[in-house]
C-alpha cells in the first residue's frame, strides 16, 4: 500500500517541477527577443508561434508539449 502512495507523491512533485520550468523558459525567450536577435523572418515567425503555443499548452496543463515547443524556440534563438 505504501509503494503506490510514494510513487503518486513522487509523480506529483515531478509534475509540479516540470510545470515550473515553462514560465522560466518563456521569460528566457522573451528576454532574448527583447534583445532583437538577428533572425530571418521565417525563424522569427516560427519562434513567435512556438512561444505562443508553449504558453497555451502550459495554461492547459500540457507541460510536456509546452516544454517541447519552448525548447524548440530556445534552440532557434541559441539559448
PDB file of N, CA and C in Angstrom:
ATOM      1  N   UNK A   1       0.827  -1.190   0.000  1.00  0.00           N
ATOM      2  CA  UNK A   1       0.000   0.000   0.000  1.00  0.00           C
ATOM      3  C   UNK A   1       0.872   1.256   0.000  1.00  0.00           C
ATOM      4  N   UNK A   2       2.015   1.187   0.659  1.00  0.00           N
ATOM      5  CA  UNK A   2       2.893   2.356   0.746  1.00  0.00           C
ATOM      6  C   UNK A   2       3.552   2.715  -0.579  1.00  0.00           C
ATOM      7  N   UNK A   3       3.984   1.704  -1.307  1.00  0.00           N
ATOM      8  CA  UNK A   3       4.711   1.945  -2.558  1.00  0.00           C
ATOM      9  C   UNK A   3       3.890   2.760  -3.559  1.00  0.00           C
ATOM     10  N   UNK A   4       2.612   2.413  -3.784  1.00  0.00           N
ATOM     11  CA  UNK A   4       1.840   3.226  -4.733  1.00  0.00           C
ATOM     12  C   UNK A   4       1.677   4.676  -4.266  1.00  0.00           C
ATOM     13  N   UNK A   5       1.536   4.878  -2.980  1.00  0.00           N
ATOM     14  CA  UNK A   5       1.394   6.247  -2.465  1.00  0.00           C
ATOM     15  C   UNK A   5       2.677   7.043  -2.655  1.00  0.00           C
ATOM     16  N   UNK A   6       3.805   6.396  -2.444  1.00  0.00           N
ATOM     17  CA  UNK A   6       5.096   7.060  -2.642  1.00  0.00           C
ATOM     18  C   UNK A   6       5.282   7.397  -4.119  1.00  0.00           C
ATOM     19  N   UNK A   7       4.907   6.482  -4.982  1.00  0.00           N
ATOM     20  CA  UNK A   7       5.006   6.715  -6.422  1.00  0.00           C
ATOM     21  C   UNK A   7       4.133   7.897  -6.846  1.00  0.00           C
ATOM     22  N   UNK A   8       2.911   7.931  -6.370  1.00  0.00           N
ATOM     23  CA  UNK A   8       1.993   9.024  -6.713  1.00  0.00           C
ATOM     24  C   UNK A   8       2.531  10.353  -6.201  1.00  0.00           C
ATOM     25  N   UNK A   9       3.036  10.372  -4.988  1.00  0.00           N
ATOM     26  CA  UNK A   9       3.597  11.603  -4.433  1.00  0.00           C
ATOM     27  C   UNK A   9       4.813  12.057  -5.247  1.00  0.00           C
ATOM     28  N   UNK A  10       5.651  11.124  -5.634  1.00  0.00           N
ATOM     29  CA  UNK A  10       6.825  11.455  -6.441  1.00  0.00           C
ATOM     30  C   UNK A  10       6.440  12.023  -7.798  1.00  0.00           C
ATOM     31  N   UNK A  11       5.442  11.444  -8.417  1.00  0.00           N
ATOM     32  CA  UNK A  11       4.975  11.945  -9.711  1.00  0.00           C
ATOM     33  C   UNK A  11       4.367  13.342  -9.584  1.00  0.00           C
ATOM     34  N   UNK A  12       3.663  13.588  -8.504  1.00  0.00           N
ATOM     35  CA  UNK A  12       3.069  14.912  -8.284  1.00  0.00           C
ATOM     36  C   UNK A  12       4.154  15.971  -8.130  1.00  0.00           C
ATOM     37  N   UNK A  13       5.186  15.661  -7.377  1.00  0.00           N
ATOM     38  CA  UNK A  13       6.290  16.598  -7.190  1.00  0.00           C
ATOM     39  C   UNK A  13       7.027  16.821  -8.511  1.00  0.00           C
ATOM     40  N   UNK A  14       7.273  15.760  -9.258  1.00  0.00           N
ATOM     41  CA  UNK A  14       7.959  15.883 -10.543  1.00  0.00           C
ATOM     42  C   UNK A  14       7.127  16.698 -11.526  1.00  0.00           C
ATOM     43  N   UNK A  15       5.837  16.486 -11.526  1.00  0.00           N
ATOM     44  CA  UNK A  15       4.948  17.246 -12.406  1.00  0.00           C
ATOM     45  C   UNK A  15       4.955  18.722 -12.076  1.00  0.00           C
ATOM     46  N   UNK A  16       4.963  19.040 -10.801  1.00  0.00           N
ATOM     47  CA  UNK A  16       4.998  20.444 -10.384  1.00  0.00           C
ATOM     48  C   UNK A  16       6.324  21.091 -10.784  1.00  0.00           C
ATOM     49  N   UNK A  17       7.402  20.362 -10.644  1.00  0.00           N
ATOM     50  CA  UNK A  17       8.714  20.892 -11.038  1.00  0.00           C
ATOM     51  C   UNK A  17       8.765  21.108 -12.543  1.00  0.00           C
ATOM     52  N   UNK A  18       8.247  20.157 -13.295  1.00  0.00           N
ATOM     53  CA  UNK A  18       8.226  20.268 -14.752  1.00  0.00           C
ATOM     54  C   UNK A  18       7.400  21.478 -15.171  1.00  0.00           C
ATOM     55  N   UNK A  19       6.237  21.672 -14.544  1.00  0.00           N
ATOM     56  CA  UNK A  19       5.364  22.806 -14.868  1.00  0.00           C
ATOM     57  C   UNK A  19       6.043  24.122 -14.533  1.00  0.00           C
ATOM     58  N   UNK A  20       6.885  24.124 -13.522  1.00  0.00           N
ATOM     59  CA  UNK A  20       7.555  25.342 -13.100  1.00  0.00           C
ATOM     60  C   UNK A  20       8.601  25.822 -14.083  1.00  0.00           C
ATOM     61  N   UNK A  21       9.075  24.947 -14.963  1.00  0.00           N
ATOM     62  CA  UNK A  21      10.082  25.342 -15.944  1.00  0.00           C
ATOM     63  C   UNK A  21       9.490  26.113 -17.114  1.00  0.00           C
ATOM     64  N   UNK A  22       8.222  25.926 -17.397  1.00  0.00           N
ATOM     65  CA  UNK A  22       7.598  26.603 -18.543  1.00  0.00           C
ATOM     66  C   UNK A  22       7.736  28.124 -18.429  1.00  0.00           C
ATOM     67  N   UNK A  23       7.336  28.739 -17.307  1.00  0.00           N
ATOM     68  CA  UNK A  23       7.466  30.193 -17.208  1.00  0.00           C
ATOM     69  C   UNK A  23       8.915  30.676 -17.293  1.00  0.00           C
ATOM     70  N   UNK A  24       9.836  29.896 -16.773  1.00  0.00           N
ATOM     71  CA  UNK A  24      11.252  30.264 -16.846  1.00  0.00           C
ATOM     72  C   UNK A  24      11.699  30.292 -18.305  1.00  0.00           C
ATOM     73  N   UNK A  25      11.312  29.279 -19.062  1.00  0.00           N
ATOM     74  CA  UNK A  25      11.673  29.231 -20.478  1.00  0.00           C
ATOM     75  C   UNK A  25      11.008  30.362 -21.250  1.00  0.00           C
ATOM     76  N   UNK A  26       9.751  30.664 -20.943  1.00  0.00           N
ATOM     77  CA  UNK A  26       9.061  31.755 -21.625  1.00  0.00           C
ATOM     78  C   UNK A  26       9.765  33.089 -21.361  1.00  0.00           C
ATOM     79  N   UNK A  27      10.195  33.301 -20.129  1.00  0.00           N
ATOM     80  CA  UNK A  27      10.912  34.540 -19.795  1.00  0.00           C
ATOM     81  C   UNK A  27      12.245  34.612 -20.528  1.00  0.00           C
ATOM     82  N   UNK A  28      12.935  33.485 -20.642  1.00  0.00           N
ATOM     83  CA  UNK A  28      14.222  33.462 -21.356  1.00  0.00           C
ATOM     84  C   UNK A  28      14.014  33.798 -22.831  1.00  0.00           C
ATOM     85  N   UNK A  29      12.970  33.242 -23.422  1.00  0.00           N
ATOM     86  CA  UNK A  29      12.665  33.530 -24.824  1.00  0.00           C
ATOM     87  C   UNK A  29      12.313  35.005 -24.989  1.00  0.00           C
ATOM     88  N   UNK A  30      11.472  35.523 -24.096  1.00  0.00           N
ATOM     89  CA  UNK A  30      11.083  36.936 -24.166  1.00  0.00           C
ATOM     90  C   UNK A  30      12.292  37.857 -24.027  1.00  0.00           C
ATOM     91  N   UNK A  31      13.199  37.516 -23.124  1.00  0.00           N
ATOM     92  CA  UNK A  31      14.396  38.341 -22.919  1.00  0.00           C
ATOM     93  C   UNK A  31      15.272  38.338 -24.165  1.00  0.00           C
ATOM     94  N   UNK A  32      15.432  37.179 -24.767  1.00  0.00           N
ATOM     95  CA  UNK A  32      16.254  37.086 -25.985  1.00  0.00           C
ATOM     96  C   UNK A  32      15.607  37.869 -27.125  1.00  0.00           C
ATOM     97  N   UNK A  33      14.284  37.783 -27.249  1.00  0.00           N
ATOM     98  CA  UNK A  33      13.584  38.523 -28.298  1.00  0.00           C
ATOM     99  C   UNK A  33      13.669  40.034 -28.060  1.00  0.00           C
ATOM    100  N   UNK A  34      13.652  40.443 -26.812  1.00  0.00           N
ATOM    101  CA  UNK A  34      13.757  41.865 -26.476  1.00  0.00           C
ATOM    102  C   UNK A  34      15.117  42.434 -26.881  1.00  0.00           C
ATOM    103  N   UNK A  35      16.129  41.559 -26.947  1.00  0.00           N
ATOM    104  CA  UNK A  35      17.470  41.981 -27.344  1.00  0.00           C
ATOM    105  C   UNK A  35      17.600  42.097 -28.865  1.00  0.00           C
ATOM    106  N   UNK A  36      16.511  41.876 -29.587  1.00  0.00           N
ATOM    107  CA  UNK A  36      16.473  41.996 -31.050  1.00  0.00           C
ATOM    108  C   UNK A  36      17.542  41.135 -31.743  1.00  0.00           C
ATOM    109  N   UNK A  37      17.456  39.815 -31.566  1.00  0.00           N
ATOM    110  CA  UNK A  37      18.440  38.950 -32.225  1.00  0.00           C
ATOM    111  C   UNK A  37      18.257  38.987 -33.744  1.00  0.00           C
ATOM    112  N   UNK A  38      19.316  38.699 -34.454  1.00  0.00           N
ATOM    113  CA  UNK A  38      19.252  38.651 -35.906  1.00  0.00           C
ATOM    114  C   UNK A  38      18.658  37.308 -36.317  1.00  0.00           C
ATOM    115  N   UNK A  39      17.429  37.364 -36.811  1.00  0.00           N
ATOM    116  CA  UNK A  39      16.734  36.158 -37.259  1.00  0.00           C
ATOM    117  C   UNK A  39      16.119  36.423 -38.619  1.00  0.00           C
ATOM    118  N   UNK A  40      16.011  35.376 -39.412  1.00  0.00           N
ATOM    119  CA  UNK A  40      15.258  35.518 -40.655  1.00  0.00           C
ATOM    120  C   UNK A  40      13.786  35.699 -40.298  1.00  0.00           C
ATOM    121  N   UNK A  41      12.999  36.204 -41.211  1.00  0.00           N
ATOM    122  CA  UNK A  41      11.568  36.381 -40.955  1.00  0.00           C
ATOM    123  C   UNK A  41      10.922  35.045 -40.639  1.00  0.00           C
ATOM    124  N   UNK A  42      11.339  34.000 -41.343  1.00  0.00           N
ATOM    125  CA  UNK A  42      10.780  32.667 -41.117  1.00  0.00           C
ATOM    126  C   UNK A  42      11.076  32.179 -39.708  1.00  0.00           C
ATOM    127  N   UNK A  43      12.336  32.359 -39.259  1.00  0.00           N
ATOM    128  CA  UNK A  43      12.697  31.936 -37.907  1.00  0.00           C
ATOM    129  C   UNK A  43      11.985  32.778 -36.853  1.00  0.00           C
ATOM    130  N   UNK A  44      11.891  34.091 -37.082  1.00  0.00           N
ATOM    131  CA  UNK A  44      11.203  34.963 -36.128  1.00  0.00           C
ATOM    132  C   UNK A  44       9.739  34.562 -35.999  1.00  0.00           C
ATOM    133  N   UNK A  45       9.096  34.269 -37.127  1.00  0.00           N
ATOM    134  CA  UNK A  45       7.693  33.841 -37.103  1.00  0.00           C
ATOM    135  C   UNK A  45       7.547  32.497 -36.393  1.00  0.00           C
ATOM    136  N   UNK A  46       8.488  31.591 -36.650  1.00  0.00           N
ATOM    137  CA  UNK A  46       8.436  30.264 -36.021  1.00  0.00           C
ATOM    138  C   UNK A  46       8.625  30.374 -34.512  1.00  0.00           C
ATOM    139  N   UNK A  47       9.570  31.211 -34.083  1.00  0.00           N
ATOM    140  CA  UNK A  47       9.796  31.400 -32.647  1.00  0.00           C
ATOM    141  C   UNK A  47       8.543  31.978 -31.991  1.00  0.00           C
ATOM    142  N   UNK A  48       7.936  32.970 -32.624  1.00  0.00           N
ATOM    143  CA  UNK A  48       6.724  33.581 -32.066  1.00  0.00           C
ATOM    144  C   UNK A  48       5.602  32.545 -31.950  1.00  0.00           C
ATOM    145  N   UNK A  49       5.455  31.716 -32.974  1.00  0.00           N
ATOM    146  CA  UNK A  49       4.417  30.675 -32.969  1.00  0.00           C
ATOM    147  C   UNK A  49       4.686  29.649 -31.867  1.00  0.00           C
ATOM    148  N   UNK A  50       5.943  29.211 -31.755  1.00  0.00           N
ATOM    149  CA  UNK A  50       6.299  28.224 -30.732  1.00  0.00           C
ATOM    150  C   UNK A  50       6.137  28.798 -29.328  1.00  0.00           C
ATOM    151  N   UNK A  51       6.504  30.064 -29.149  1.00  0.00           N
ATOM    152  CA  UNK A  51       6.371  30.722 -27.840  1.00  0.00           C
ATOM    153  C   UNK A  51       4.906  30.768 -27.427  1.00  0.00           C
ATOM    154  N   UNK A  52       4.032  31.152 -28.367  1.00  0.00           N
ATOM    155  CA  UNK A  52       2.590  31.225 -28.097  1.00  0.00           C
ATOM    156  C   UNK A  52       2.027  29.841 -27.814  1.00  0.00           C
ATOM    157  N   UNK A  53       2.417  28.872 -28.619  1.00  0.00           N
ATOM    158  CA  UNK A  53       1.952  27.503 -28.435  1.00  0.00           C
ATOM    159  C   UNK A  53       2.409  26.953 -27.081  1.00  0.00           C
ATOM    160  N   UNK A  54       3.654  27.239 -26.716  1.00  0.00           N
ATOM    161  CA  UNK A  54       4.169  26.790 -25.420  1.00  0.00           C
ATOM    162  C   UNK A  54       3.374  27.371 -24.264  1.00  0.00           C
ATOM    163  N   UNK A  55       3.051  28.642 -24.358  1.00  0.00           N
ATOM    164  CA  UNK A  55       2.253  29.277 -23.300  1.00  0.00           C
ATOM    165  C   UNK A  55       0.844  28.689 -23.247  1.00  0.00           C
ATOM    166  N   UNK A  56       0.235  28.475 -24.413  1.00  0.00           N
ATOM    167  CA  UNK A  56      -1.107  27.885 -24.458  1.00  0.00           C
ATOM    168  C   UNK A  56      -1.121  26.489 -23.854  1.00  0.00           C
ATOM    169  N   UNK A  57      -0.119  25.681 -24.203  1.00  0.00           N
ATOM    170  CA  UNK A  57      -0.027  24.322 -23.636  1.00  0.00           C
ATOM    171  C   UNK A  57       0.170  24.396 -22.118  1.00  0.00           C
ATOM    172  N   UNK A  58       1.003  25.306 -21.662  1.00  0.00           N
ATOM    173  CA  UNK A  58       1.242  25.460 -20.227  1.00  0.00           C
ATOM    174  C   UNK A  58      -0.065  25.776 -19.500  1.00  0.00           C
ATOM    175  N   UNK A  59      -0.805  26.732 -20.025  1.00  0.00           N
ATOM    176  CA  UNK A  59      -2.074  27.123 -19.401  1.00  0.00           C
ATOM    177  C   UNK A  59      -3.082  25.978 -19.389  1.00  0.00           C
ATOM    178  N   UNK A  60      -2.990  25.091 -20.388  1.00  0.00           N
ATOM    179  CA  UNK A  60      -3.898  23.949 -20.482  1.00  0.00           C
ATOM    180  C   UNK A  60      -3.414  22.764 -19.641  1.00  0.00           C
ATOM    181  N   UNK A  61      -2.261  22.914 -18.995  1.00  0.00           N
ATOM    182  CA  UNK A  61      -1.730  21.832 -18.170  1.00  0.00           C
ATOM    183  C   UNK A  61      -0.971  20.779 -18.953  1.00  0.00           C
ATOM    184  N   UNK A  62      -0.674  21.052 -20.210  1.00  0.00           N
ATOM    185  CA  UNK A  62       0.056  20.110 -21.062  1.00  0.00           C
ATOM    186  C   UNK A  62       1.533  20.503 -21.065  1.00  0.00           C
ATOM    187  N   UNK A  63       2.201  20.223 -19.965  1.00  0.00           N
ATOM    188  CA  UNK A  63       3.551  20.736 -19.765  1.00  0.00           C
ATOM    189  C   UNK A  63       4.604  20.061 -20.643  1.00  0.00           C
ATOM    190  N   UNK A  64       4.411  18.808 -20.971  1.00  0.00           N
ATOM    191  CA  UNK A  64       5.380  18.150 -21.858  1.00  0.00           C
ATOM    192  C   UNK A  64       5.356  18.803 -23.239  1.00  0.00           C
ATOM    193  N   UNK A  65       4.160  19.070 -23.747  1.00  0.00           N
ATOM    194  CA  UNK A  65       4.030  19.736 -25.041  1.00  0.00           C
ATOM    195  C   UNK A  65       4.588  21.152 -24.966  1.00  0.00           C
ATOM    196  N   UNK A  66       4.322  21.833 -23.855  1.00  0.00           N
ATOM    197  CA  UNK A  66       4.822  23.191 -23.654  1.00  0.00           C
ATOM    198  C   UNK A  66       6.347  23.208 -23.693  1.00  0.00           C
ATOM    199  N   UNK A  67       6.973  22.316 -22.948  1.00  0.00           N
ATOM    200  CA  UNK A  67       8.428  22.274 -22.891  1.00  0.00           C
ATOM    201  C   UNK A  67       9.026  21.919 -24.255  1.00  0.00           C
ATOM    202  N   UNK A  68       8.338  21.085 -25.024  1.00  0.00           N
ATOM    203  CA  UNK A  68       8.816  20.722 -26.359  1.00  0.00           C
ATOM    204  C   UNK A  68       8.831  21.962 -27.251  1.00  0.00           C
ATOM    205  N   UNK A  69       7.725  22.701 -27.276  1.00  0.00           N
ATOM    206  CA  UNK A  69       7.644  23.897 -28.118  1.00  0.00           C
ATOM    207  C   UNK A  69       8.626  24.972 -27.658  1.00  0.00           C
ATOM    208  N   UNK A  70       8.678  25.206 -26.364  1.00  0.00           N
ATOM    209  CA  UNK A  70       9.586  26.228 -25.839  1.00  0.00           C
ATOM    210  C   UNK A  70      11.043  25.838 -26.072  1.00  0.00           C
ATOM    211  N   UNK A  71      11.338  24.560 -25.953  1.00  0.00           N
ATOM    212  CA  UNK A  71      12.699  24.088 -26.209  1.00  0.00           C
ATOM    213  C   UNK A  71      13.111  24.297 -27.658  1.00  0.00           C
ATOM    214  N   UNK A  72      12.180  24.074 -28.574  1.00  0.00           N
ATOM    215  CA  UNK A  72      12.474  24.277 -29.981  1.00  0.00           C
ATOM    216  C   UNK A  72      12.705  25.775 -30.268  1.00  0.00           C
ATOM    217  N   UNK A  73      11.898  26.633 -29.638  1.00  0.00           N
ATOM    218  CA  UNK A  73      12.081  28.084 -29.800  1.00  0.00           C
ATOM    219  C   UNK A  73      13.439  28.507 -29.245  1.00  0.00           C
ATOM    220  N   UNK A  74      13.804  27.967 -28.091  1.00  0.00           N
ATOM    221  CA  UNK A  74      15.096  28.306 -27.498  1.00  0.00           C
ATOM    222  C   UNK A  74      16.248  27.857 -28.394  1.00  0.00           C
ATOM    223  N   UNK A  75      16.102  26.710 -29.022  1.00  0.00           N
ATOM    224  CA  UNK A  75      17.138  26.194 -29.915  1.00  0.00           C
ATOM    225  C   UNK A  75      17.338  27.153 -31.098  1.00  0.00           C
ATOM    226  N   UNK A  76      16.245  27.614 -31.674  1.00  0.00           N
ATOM    227  CA  UNK A  76      16.341  28.560 -32.800  1.00  0.00           C
ATOM    228  C   UNK A  76      17.030  29.838 -32.356  1.00  0.00           C
ATOM    229  N   UNK A  77      16.724  30.284 -31.126  1.00  0.00           N
ATOM    230  CA  UNK A  77      17.307  31.522 -30.603  1.00  0.00           C
ATOM    231  C   UNK A  77      18.732  31.337 -30.099  1.00  0.00           C
ATOM    232  N   UNK A  78      19.188  30.098 -29.990  1.00  0.00           N
ATOM    233  CA  UNK A  78      20.540  29.840 -29.497  1.00  0.00           C
ATOM    234  C   UNK A  78      20.667  29.989 -28.002  1.00  0.00           C
ATOM    235  N   UNK A  79      19.592  29.713 -27.297  1.00  0.00           N
ATOM    236  CA  UNK A  79      19.603  29.796 -25.824  1.00  0.00           C
ATOM    237  C   UNK A  79      19.998  28.443 -25.270  1.00  0.00           C
TER     238      UNK A  79
END
